Each structure stands twice: as C-alpha cells, then as structure tokens.
Amino acid sequence: MVAAPPDAGGRADSGGHPPLAVIVVNWHREQETIDCVNSLQSWQRLCPEIIVVDNGSGLDAVSRLREALPGVEILANDSNLGFGAANNRALASTGARVVLLLNNDARIGEEDTTRLLETLRSRPQAGFVGPVLEGASPPHPVLSAGGRDPVRFGRTHSTADDRRQELERAEPFAVDYVPGTALLALRRTFEALDGFEEDFFFSGETADLCARGRRLGYQSFVVPLSRCRHNLETSAPLRDTLYAYYSLRNRFLLLRRSRGGGLAGARWVASGALRSLLSLATGRIARARCLVLALADGLRGRFGPANPRVER
C-alpha cells in the first residue's frame, strides 16, 4: 500500500524544497500561459514553485515569458517534444514533494487545489487525483468527471450524467485515469513509474500513466468538491487535425502497451474508417486525411511526434 503524502502547504522542507510545484507547458500561447501563471501567483497560502516548459515556440516566445514572469523557472525546449516529454523534463528539475500538472488554458483556485491535496493526504491508495473539469463560460457545464479507458470507450471523458450519483455524494471517487488538464500526484509516484511514456507525444499519456500506476497499487480519484475551469475555445482550431490524429493513433499504442486483443484493434480500425468517411461526406477534408494517417501510423506502429506530417 502506498504511504500517505506529507503536508503540501506552507514552507519548504529542511532541504529547501518547496512542498508543491505546478508545471505549465506552453506551445505558441504565451499570453495564455502568462495569465495562467498570474492566477497561480495570486494564491495566498500554498505558494507553489511554478515551472513553465516552452515546447519549441521560439526565442521570442521564451523571451516574452521570461520578461513577463520574473522569478518563474522557464525551461526552453528547442523543439516541440510533446506533452509527456515536457512534463518529464520539469519533473526532473523540481525537488517538490507534490506536483500539479496544469494546462495553460485551465484555471484552478487555491481552495480547489487544497481539496486535491487533502484527498491525496487522506487516501493512502491515491496515486493521482484531479478536479471535475468545467467549461470556462457560464453556466460552466461539466466537461469531464474523470477519464475512461480509451481502449474500451470512444468517449473518454465521463459526463455529469455518467457520474450523477458520485457527484451528488461529493466524496472522491475512483476513475480509470485523471485527465492531464489538472492532475496532482506525489513526485515520487512519477519517479516510481519513470514518468510519462514519450511515444504518445500528445493524448493518451495520462491514461497510460494511471494504468501503469494501477498495476503498482496506485488508484486515480476525482474530487467532486474541487473544480477547474477549462477553456476549450483556444484549442478549437486544432481539434479537427492534430487532436483527431493523436487521439485515434494513440489508441493503438495503448493497445500495444496493455497487450489488448485483436477485437479492440479491429474496433478502432472500423471506427477510424467510418469517422474519416463521415468527415469526407461533410466536407471536412483535413480531418478525414488526418484520421486516415492516424490509422496507417497506428497499425504500422509509427508513434512519437507527427505534427509536420499531420499539418501539411
């Protein structure tokens, strides 16, 4: 059984390490990242270490981040290494006991983060905890009440209807995985799992991380009383191309890593083919091409970064 985490509020430990670090990855959205960090810096009690990883946005972007965020550690990658690799680099650079991964288009308050910390502290079996994700605009609908196994489910985010009883009870509940939009864990948990598998590049890596954690006894929990606002509008232009490609292709990587059966693979081949045909029929040519490419790469085992081929 996993030991309960130490206190994550207030002072640094005897070695000078802050109790909590927040990692934010930037890719060509500097103002969004600056606004996200500013919201974290408004907290009054937790006072986290904040690490921003720029994923190959260029020298001008890094300069802007450093100028706008003095005192914040900025790690600059020469190229876009993907979500998992960017977070792995930041995880290796911090001595914090507890780490919160936060998208730059997400906003979580101090009290909501404190509720996540309390859940991690009070449940020894908890490896990963996360909030309920809500839309950024009123009436703030539930976008995700935890993740569902992407090998088994086409819609991987649980809705309010899916989790109505759990949300009404307001007690933390177990899920297949915590979305990487806002995910809290002990740093030693990431270390025990050797961090993220970087071949995913984007999408599926947190589902894989939580699945590997589950095999070591770590469970994933969503905390209903903790809420995080997620603005999907900023990423909308990418959803027909990059998001469509990686979310389909990486299901085949998850299948390989979980040693899933042929029936599951056949299902995703059929689903991808149907979605590409529907995209063609509705004039979404770029999306159709990306889905076909995702099928080809997934079946051939071609994983890792693919942005240049997807975006051309």
Protein backbone atom coordinates (compact mmCIF):
# COMPACT_ATOMS: atom_id res chain seq x y z
CA MET A 1 0.00 0.00 0.00
CA VAL A 2 1.22 3.49 -0.83
CA ALA A 3 2.18 5.77 2.07
CA ALA A 4 0.23 8.97 2.68
CA PRO A 5 1.95 12.13 1.39
CA PRO A 6 3.48 14.75 3.64
CA ASP A 7 1.90 18.14 4.18
CA ALA A 8 1.93 20.14 0.95
CA GLY A 9 1.09 23.56 2.30
CA GLY A 10 3.30 26.38 3.50
CA ARG A 11 7.04 26.21 3.99
CA ALA A 12 9.83 24.45 2.20
CA ASP A 13 11.27 21.34 3.82
CA SER A 14 14.63 21.10 5.59
CA GLY A 15 16.37 20.63 2.25
CA GLY A 16 14.93 23.85 0.88
CA HIS A 17 12.48 22.08 -1.42
CA PRO A 18 9.03 23.68 -1.82
CA PRO A 19 6.15 21.39 -0.87
CA LEU A 20 4.21 21.95 -4.10
CA ALA A 21 5.26 22.59 -7.69
CA VAL A 22 2.94 23.49 -10.57
CA ILE A 23 4.06 22.61 -14.11
CA VAL A 24 2.59 24.51 -17.07
CA VAL A 25 3.51 23.62 -20.66
CA ASN A 26 3.48 26.36 -23.31
CA TRP A 27 3.28 25.94 -27.07
CA HIS A 28 2.72 29.16 -29.02
CA ARG A 29 0.27 30.54 -26.42
CA GLU A 30 2.41 32.84 -24.33
CA GLN A 31 -0.33 35.20 -23.13
CA GLU A 32 -2.46 32.29 -22.03
CA THR A 33 0.49 30.87 -20.11
CA ILE A 34 1.23 34.25 -18.53
CA ASP A 35 -2.40 34.60 -17.43
CA CYS A 36 -2.36 31.06 -16.02
CA VAL A 37 0.80 31.71 -14.00
CA ASN A 38 -0.55 35.04 -12.76
CA SER A 39 -3.62 33.25 -11.43
CA LEU A 40 -1.37 30.81 -9.55
CA GLN A 41 0.70 33.64 -8.13
CA SER A 42 -2.44 35.19 -6.62
CA TRP A 43 -2.70 32.27 -4.16
CA GLN A 44 -2.14 33.30 -0.55
CA ARG A 45 -1.12 30.15 1.35
CA LEU A 46 0.22 27.38 -0.87
CA CYS A 47 2.94 29.48 -2.57
CA PRO A 48 3.94 26.81 -5.09
CA GLU A 49 7.07 26.63 -7.16
CA ILE A 50 5.96 27.32 -10.74
CA ILE A 51 7.76 25.77 -13.70
CA VAL A 52 6.90 26.73 -17.27
CA VAL A 53 8.15 24.49 -20.07
CA ASP A 54 8.17 26.07 -23.50
CA ASN A 55 7.87 23.40 -26.18
CA GLY A 56 9.79 24.90 -29.09
CA SER A 57 7.79 28.13 -29.53
CA GLY A 58 10.98 30.04 -30.40
CA LEU A 59 13.36 32.56 -28.84
CA ASP A 60 10.88 35.44 -28.98
CA ALA A 61 8.28 33.42 -27.09
CA VAL A 62 10.77 32.39 -24.41
CA SER A 63 11.98 35.98 -24.03
CA ARG A 64 8.41 37.17 -23.60
CA LEU A 65 7.73 34.56 -20.95
CA ARG A 66 10.89 35.42 -19.02
CA GLU A 67 10.16 39.13 -19.17
CA ALA A 68 6.55 38.74 -18.03
CA LEU A 69 7.25 36.09 -15.37
CA PRO A 70 10.34 37.11 -13.37
CA GLY A 71 11.25 34.55 -10.75
CA VAL A 72 9.45 31.73 -12.56
CA GLU A 73 11.63 28.91 -13.84
CA ILE A 74 11.33 28.77 -17.64
CA LEU A 75 12.62 25.62 -19.32
CA ALA A 76 13.03 26.11 -23.05
CA ASN A 77 13.00 23.16 -25.44
CA ASP A 78 14.50 23.65 -28.89
CA SER A 79 11.58 21.79 -30.47
CA ASN A 80 8.13 20.54 -29.57
CA LEU A 81 8.85 17.40 -27.56
CA GLY A 82 5.21 16.69 -26.73
CA PHE A 83 3.22 16.84 -23.52
CA GLY A 84 4.81 13.89 -21.75
CA ALA A 85 8.42 14.79 -22.51
CA ALA A 86 7.89 18.42 -21.49
CA ASN A 87 6.46 17.37 -18.15
CA ASN A 88 9.20 14.78 -17.65
CA ARG A 89 11.82 17.50 -18.02
CA ALA A 90 10.09 19.70 -15.46
CA LEU A 91 9.60 16.79 -13.06
CA ALA A 92 13.33 16.09 -13.20
CA SER A 93 14.10 19.72 -12.33
CA THR A 94 11.99 20.05 -9.17
CA GLY A 95 12.52 18.83 -5.63
CA ALA A 96 8.89 19.48 -4.63
CA ARG A 97 7.15 16.65 -2.82
CA VAL A 98 3.83 17.14 -4.63
CA VAL A 99 3.32 18.19 -8.25
CA LEU A 100 0.30 19.65 -10.03
CA LEU A 101 0.22 19.43 -13.82
CA LEU A 102 -1.94 22.22 -15.21
CA ASN A 103 -2.86 23.16 -18.78
CA ASN A 104 -2.26 26.79 -19.62
CA ASP A 105 -5.90 27.09 -20.74
CA ALA A 106 -7.14 25.83 -17.35
CA ARG A 107 -7.72 27.75 -14.11
CA ILE A 108 -7.92 26.19 -10.67
CA GLY A 109 -8.29 28.06 -7.39
CA GLU A 110 -6.28 27.67 -4.22
CA GLU A 111 -9.16 26.12 -2.27
CA ASP A 112 -9.84 23.64 -5.05
CA THR A 113 -6.17 22.66 -5.08
CA THR A 114 -6.21 22.32 -1.31
CA ARG A 115 -9.08 19.82 -1.62
CA LEU A 116 -6.97 17.78 -4.03
CA LEU A 117 -4.07 17.85 -1.57
CA GLU A 118 -6.35 16.75 1.26
CA THR A 119 -7.57 13.79 -0.80
CA LEU A 120 -4.02 12.76 -1.66
CA ARG A 121 -3.11 13.01 2.03
CA SER A 122 -6.13 11.19 3.43
CA ARG A 123 -6.29 8.28 0.98
CA PRO A 124 -3.11 6.18 1.10
CA GLN A 125 -4.16 4.30 -2.05
CA ALA A 126 -4.47 7.53 -4.09
CA GLY A 127 -1.74 7.89 -6.68
CA PHE A 128 -3.35 10.56 -8.88
CA VAL A 129 -6.13 12.99 -8.03
CA GLY A 130 -7.91 15.59 -10.11
CA PRO A 131 -10.84 18.00 -10.06
CA VAL A 132 -14.06 17.99 -12.02
CA LEU A 133 -13.36 19.91 -15.23
CA GLU A 134 -15.89 22.58 -16.13
CA GLY A 135 -16.36 24.81 -19.14
CA ALA A 136 -14.87 28.28 -18.81
CA SER A 137 -18.06 30.07 -19.87
CA PRO A 138 -21.35 30.18 -17.90
CA PRO A 139 -23.18 28.03 -16.98
CA HIS A 140 -19.88 26.12 -16.64
CA PRO A 141 -21.04 22.68 -17.78
CA VAL A 142 -19.14 19.60 -16.64
CA LEU A 143 -16.64 18.69 -19.34
CA SER A 144 -15.08 15.76 -17.53
CA ALA A 145 -15.77 13.95 -14.27
CA GLY A 146 -12.76 11.70 -14.79
CA GLY A 147 -11.33 9.69 -17.65
CA ARG A 148 -12.48 6.35 -19.05
CA ASP A 149 -10.19 3.71 -20.56
CA PRO A 150 -9.50 4.86 -24.16
CA VAL A 151 -9.08 1.26 -25.31
CA ARG A 152 -12.67 0.45 -24.28
CA PHE A 153 -14.50 3.74 -24.76
CA GLY A 154 -14.83 6.13 -27.66
CA ARG A 155 -15.90 9.00 -25.40
CA THR A 156 -13.16 9.01 -22.82
CA HIS A 157 -14.42 11.79 -20.52
CA SER A 158 -17.21 10.95 -18.08
CA THR A 159 -20.14 13.37 -18.19
CA ALA A 160 -22.27 14.68 -15.33
CA ASP A 161 -24.91 12.11 -16.28
CA ASP A 162 -22.36 9.29 -16.21
CA ARG A 163 -21.31 10.25 -12.68
CA ARG A 164 -24.51 11.76 -11.30
CA GLN A 165 -24.60 9.66 -8.13
CA GLU A 166 -20.90 10.17 -7.36
CA LEU A 167 -21.16 13.93 -7.90
CA GLU A 168 -24.19 14.15 -5.63
CA ARG A 169 -22.40 12.26 -2.84
CA ALA A 170 -19.49 14.70 -3.12
CA GLU A 171 -16.97 12.08 -2.00
CA PRO A 172 -13.83 11.38 -4.05
CA PHE A 173 -14.46 8.51 -6.45
CA ALA A 174 -12.20 6.18 -8.42
CA VAL A 175 -11.79 6.62 -12.19
CA ASP A 176 -9.75 4.94 -14.89
CA TYR A 177 -7.49 7.98 -15.18
CA VAL A 178 -7.19 11.64 -14.25
CA PRO A 179 -7.01 13.94 -17.29
CA GLY A 180 -3.72 15.77 -17.68
CA THR A 181 -5.56 19.09 -17.79
CA ALA A 182 -5.20 19.19 -13.99
CA LEU A 183 -3.52 16.25 -12.28
CA LEU A 184 -1.96 16.12 -8.80
CA ALA A 185 0.44 13.45 -7.57
CA LEU A 186 3.48 12.89 -5.42
CA ARG A 187 6.71 13.43 -7.30
CA ARG A 188 7.88 10.04 -6.06
CA THR A 189 4.88 8.45 -7.78
CA PHE A 190 6.03 9.85 -11.13
CA GLU A 191 9.53 8.61 -10.34
CA ALA A 192 8.30 5.11 -9.47
CA LEU A 193 6.67 4.95 -12.93
CA ASP A 194 9.64 6.53 -14.78
CA GLY A 195 7.40 9.44 -15.76
CA PHE A 196 5.38 9.66 -18.93
CA GLU A 197 5.83 7.39 -21.94
CA GLU A 198 7.01 9.91 -24.53
CA ASP A 199 5.98 7.97 -27.66
CA PHE A 200 2.42 9.21 -27.18
CA PHE A 201 3.62 12.78 -27.85
CA PHE A 202 0.13 14.08 -27.15
CA SER A 203 -3.09 12.37 -25.94
CA GLY A 204 -3.29 9.08 -24.09
CA GLU A 205 -0.16 9.52 -21.99
CA THR A 206 -2.04 10.21 -18.74
CA ALA A 207 -4.34 7.23 -19.33
CA ASP A 208 -1.22 5.10 -19.78
CA LEU A 209 0.44 6.62 -16.69
CA CYS A 210 -2.57 5.94 -14.49
CA ALA A 211 -2.93 2.40 -15.88
CA ARG A 212 0.70 1.66 -15.04
CA GLY A 213 0.18 3.19 -11.61
CA ARG A 214 -2.85 0.99 -11.02
CA ARG A 215 -0.70 -2.10 -11.56
CA LEU A 216 1.54 -0.88 -8.72
CA GLY A 217 -1.39 -0.21 -6.39
CA TYR A 218 -1.94 3.49 -7.14
CA GLN A 219 -5.56 4.46 -7.74
CA SER A 220 -6.89 7.51 -9.57
CA PHE A 221 -9.54 9.72 -7.97
CA VAL A 222 -11.69 12.68 -8.95
CA VAL A 223 -12.68 15.09 -6.19
CA PRO A 224 -16.22 16.45 -6.82
CA LEU A 225 -15.79 19.43 -4.47
CA SER A 226 -12.74 20.55 -6.44
CA ARG A 227 -13.46 22.32 -9.73
CA CYS A 228 -11.22 23.51 -12.55
CA ARG A 229 -12.33 25.72 -15.45
CA HIS A 230 -11.07 24.63 -18.86
CA ASN A 231 -11.31 26.91 -21.88
CA LEU A 232 -11.62 24.63 -24.92
CA GLU A 233 -12.14 27.52 -27.33
CA THR A 234 -8.42 28.30 -27.52
CA SER A 235 -7.61 24.82 -28.82
CA ALA A 236 -10.64 24.52 -31.11
CA PRO A 237 -8.66 25.10 -34.37
CA LEU A 238 -6.54 22.01 -33.61
CA ARG A 239 -9.38 19.61 -32.85
CA ASP A 240 -10.10 18.68 -36.48
CA THR A 241 -6.47 17.86 -37.24
CA LEU A 242 -3.86 17.31 -34.52
CA TYR A 243 -6.31 16.24 -31.81
CA ALA A 244 -8.17 13.93 -34.18
CA TYR A 245 -4.93 12.33 -35.35
CA TYR A 246 -3.29 11.69 -31.96
CA SER A 247 -6.45 10.60 -30.14
CA LEU A 248 -7.04 7.85 -32.73
CA ARG A 249 -3.43 6.84 -33.41
CA ASN A 250 -2.52 6.59 -29.74
CA ARG A 251 -5.29 4.12 -29.03
CA PHE A 252 -3.19 1.63 -30.97
CA LEU A 253 -0.19 2.48 -28.76
CA LEU A 254 -2.34 1.95 -25.66
CA LEU A 255 -3.45 -1.39 -27.11
CA ARG A 256 0.17 -2.44 -27.62
CA ARG A 257 1.18 -1.39 -24.13
CA SER A 258 -1.81 -3.10 -22.50
CA ARG A 259 -1.49 -6.16 -24.75
CA GLY A 260 -5.08 -5.67 -25.83
CA GLY A 261 -6.80 -8.20 -28.03
CA GLY A 262 -7.44 -8.12 -31.74
CA LEU A 263 -11.13 -7.31 -31.31
CA ALA A 264 -10.32 -3.96 -29.73
CA GLY A 265 -7.91 -3.15 -32.54
CA ALA A 266 -10.48 -4.09 -35.16
CA ARG A 267 -12.98 -1.83 -33.44
CA TRP A 268 -10.71 1.20 -33.73
CA VAL A 269 -9.90 0.43 -37.36
CA ALA A 270 -13.62 0.35 -38.13
CA SER A 271 -14.32 3.46 -36.05
CA GLY A 272 -11.49 5.43 -37.65
CA ALA A 273 -12.54 4.42 -41.17
CA LEU A 274 -16.16 5.39 -40.51
CA ARG A 275 -15.18 8.74 -38.99
CA SER A 276 -12.95 9.53 -41.96
CA LEU A 277 -15.77 8.74 -44.40
CA LEU A 278 -18.20 10.91 -42.44
CA SER A 279 -15.66 13.73 -42.43
CA LEU A 280 -15.32 13.48 -46.20
CA ALA A 281 -19.07 13.47 -46.63
CA THR A 282 -19.38 16.69 -44.62
CA GLY A 283 -16.53 18.45 -46.41
CA ARG A 284 -14.00 18.19 -43.57
CA ILE A 285 -11.19 17.10 -45.85
CA ALA A 286 -8.30 17.91 -43.50
CA ARG A 287 -9.90 15.90 -40.70
CA ALA A 288 -10.53 12.93 -42.99
CA ARG A 289 -6.88 12.93 -44.12
CA CYS A 290 -5.65 13.08 -40.50
CA LEU A 291 -7.83 10.15 -39.48
CA VAL A 292 -6.57 8.02 -42.37
CA LEU A 293 -2.99 8.92 -41.45
CA ALA A 294 -3.70 8.03 -37.81
CA LEU A 295 -4.98 4.60 -38.84
CA ALA A 296 -1.96 3.96 -41.06
CA ASP A 297 0.53 5.03 -38.39
CA GLY A 298 -1.25 3.20 -35.58
CA LEU A 299 -1.36 -0.07 -37.49
CA ARG A 300 2.29 0.22 -38.57
CA GLY A 301 3.45 1.19 -35.06
CA ARG A 302 4.66 4.62 -36.11
CA PHE A 303 4.42 6.69 -32.93
CA GLY A 304 6.10 9.78 -31.46
CA PRO A 305 5.88 13.33 -32.92
CA ALA A 306 3.99 13.71 -36.20
CA ASN A 307 2.96 17.37 -36.35
CA PRO A 308 4.76 18.23 -39.62
CA ARG A 309 3.11 15.33 -41.47
CA VAL A 310 -0.31 15.99 -39.93
CA GLU A 311 -0.32 19.75 -40.54
CA ARG A 312 0.95 19.81 -44.13
